[in-house]
Protein backbone atom coordinates (compact mmCIF):
# COMPACT_ATOMS: atom_id res chain seq x y z
CA UNK A 1 3.84 5.55 -15.36
CA UNK A 2 4.60 6.69 -11.85
CA UNK A 3 1.93 5.27 -9.67
CA UNK A 4 0.18 7.03 -6.27
CA UNK A 5 0.35 5.32 -2.95
CA UNK A 6 -1.34 6.32 0.50
CA UNK A 7 1.16 5.74 3.48
CA UNK A 8 -0.70 4.43 6.29
CA UNK A 9 0.28 5.67 9.70
CA UNK A 10 2.10 2.12 10.65
CA UNK A 11 4.07 1.98 8.20
CA UNK A 12 7.62 3.42 8.56
CA UNK A 13 8.30 6.88 6.54
CA UNK A 14 10.96 5.87 5.13
CA UNK A 15 8.96 3.24 2.52
CA UNK A 16 6.94 6.67 1.39
CA UNK A 17 10.31 8.13 1.19
CA UNK A 18 11.45 5.48 -1.01
CA UNK A 19 8.41 5.44 -3.57
CA UNK A 20 7.90 9.24 -3.62
CA UNK A 21 11.69 9.25 -5.96
CA UNK A 22 9.45 7.56 -8.64
CA UNK A 23 5.98 7.61 -7.78
CA UNK A 24 3.29 10.15 -5.74
CA UNK A 25 3.23 9.63 -2.15
CA UNK A 26 0.65 11.30 0.51
CA UNK A 27 0.89 9.95 4.08
CA UNK A 28 -2.56 9.15 6.29
CA UNK A 29 -1.10 11.58 9.41
CA UNK A 30 -0.57 14.15 6.72
CA UNK A 31 -3.81 14.47 4.52
CA UNK A 32 -6.19 13.30 6.93
CA UNK A 33 -6.19 13.52 10.91
CA UNK A 34 -3.90 11.29 12.83
CA UNK A 35 -5.93 8.42 14.09
CA UNK A 36 -8.10 8.12 11.14
CA UNK A 37 -10.54 5.28 10.97
CA UNK A 38 -9.90 2.30 8.57
CA UNK A 39 -13.03 3.45 6.39
CA UNK A 40 -11.89 7.28 6.13
CA UNK A 41 -8.39 6.25 5.03
CA UNK A 42 -9.90 3.50 2.51
CA UNK A 43 -12.62 6.55 1.12
CA UNK A 44 -9.81 8.71 0.88
CA UNK A 45 -7.24 6.37 -1.24
CA UNK A 46 -10.86 5.01 -3.01
CA UNK A 47 -12.22 8.38 -4.02
CA UNK A 48 -8.47 9.54 -5.30
CA UNK A 49 -6.91 6.10 -6.72
CA UNK A 50 -4.26 5.94 -4.78
CA UNK A 51 -3.01 2.56 -3.54
CA UNK A 52 -2.81 2.20 0.30
CA UNK A 53 0.23 0.60 1.73
CA UNK A 54 -0.66 -0.77 5.54
CA UNK A 55 0.39 -3.54 8.05
CA UNK A 56 -2.73 -3.77 9.18
CA UNK A 57 -3.61 -7.05 8.71
CA UNK A 58 -7.33 -6.70 9.60
CA UNK A 59 -7.41 -3.50 7.18
CA UNK A 60 -6.06 -5.64 4.03
CA UNK A 61 -7.60 -8.46 4.27
CA UNK A 62 -10.67 -6.33 4.19
CA UNK A 63 -9.37 -4.66 1.09
CA UNK A 64 -9.03 -8.07 -0.36
CA UNK A 65 -12.32 -9.42 -0.78
CA UNK A 66 -13.24 -9.51 -3.94
CA UNK A 67 -16.56 -8.04 -4.43
CA UNK A 68 -15.07 -4.39 -2.71
CA UNK A 69 -10.82 -5.46 -3.59
CA UNK A 70 -8.85 -1.99 -3.41
CA UNK A 71 -4.91 -1.46 -4.68
CA UNK A 72 -3.09 -2.21 -1.37
CA UNK A 73 0.46 -3.11 -0.53
CA UNK A 74 0.03 -5.21 3.02
CA UNK A 75 3.64 -5.50 4.69
CA UNK A 76 3.20 -8.41 6.14
CA UNK A 77 5.47 -9.17 9.62
CA UNK A 78 8.28 -6.77 8.11
CA UNK A 79 8.60 -4.80 11.12
CA UNK A 80 12.15 -2.77 10.60
CA UNK A 81 13.03 -4.38 6.99
CA UNK A 82 9.81 -2.28 5.50
CA UNK A 83 11.73 -0.40 3.32
CA UNK A 84 14.50 -3.05 2.11
CA UNK A 85 11.66 -5.87 1.02
CA UNK A 86 9.56 -2.61 -0.79
CA UNK A 87 12.96 -2.11 -2.58
CA UNK A 88 13.56 -5.54 -3.38
CA UNK A 89 10.10 -5.92 -4.88
CA UNK A 90 9.52 -2.51 -6.99
CA UNK A 91 10.05 -3.55 -9.95
CA UNK A 92 6.86 -6.01 -9.17
CA UNK A 93 5.14 -3.42 -7.68
CA UNK A 94 4.93 -1.38 -10.41
CA UNK A 95 4.43 -4.17 -12.98
CA UNK A 96 1.43 -5.93 -11.30
CA UNK A 97 0.25 -2.70 -10.13
CA UNK A 98 -0.15 -1.45 -13.81
CA UNK A 99 -1.55 -4.38 -14.99
CA UNK A 100 -3.99 -4.78 -12.58
CA UNK A 101 -5.48 -1.64 -11.81
CA UNK A 102 -7.59 -0.85 -9.11
CA UNK A 103 -7.71 -4.37 -8.65
CA UNK A 104 -4.31 -5.12 -7.55
CA UNK A 105 -3.91 -6.35 -4.15
CA UNK A 106 -0.36 -7.55 -3.03
CA UNK A 107 1.28 -8.90 0.36
CA UNK A 108 5.08 -8.85 0.92
CA UNK A 109 6.30 -11.32 3.52
CA UNK A 110 10.14 -11.24 4.67
CA UNK A 111 10.89 -14.05 2.77
CA UNK A 112 8.13 -14.13 -0.01
CA UNK A 113 5.19 -12.29 -1.55
CA UNK A 114 1.75 -12.95 -3.40
CA UNK A 115 0.36 -10.71 -6.00
CA UNK A 116 -3.52 -11.05 -6.37
CA UNK A 117 -5.49 -9.43 -9.27
């Protein structure tokens, strides 16, 4: 089942390109204004049912709160390895997102990952 992602400005476009091979992908800097504030990005993602892909710890943490949880793929301290780690875990990302729906939250670190539903 194809998923829909919104790639935050702090994520390399190569991650979006990887996801776009099998899923729908939008980039914050394309669909909103450059420098859009987090609440605007969050509202855009929520209103369209998009999984937010971000490297912003503060933003990801807010989306992790149980009473306000929203689908988020948090790429934590990956820097130049973002695309490779997402590629390695793409099957897990797809499966977990399909299982959890809009309460999917995943943190991907250089050598581990965490999923919450």
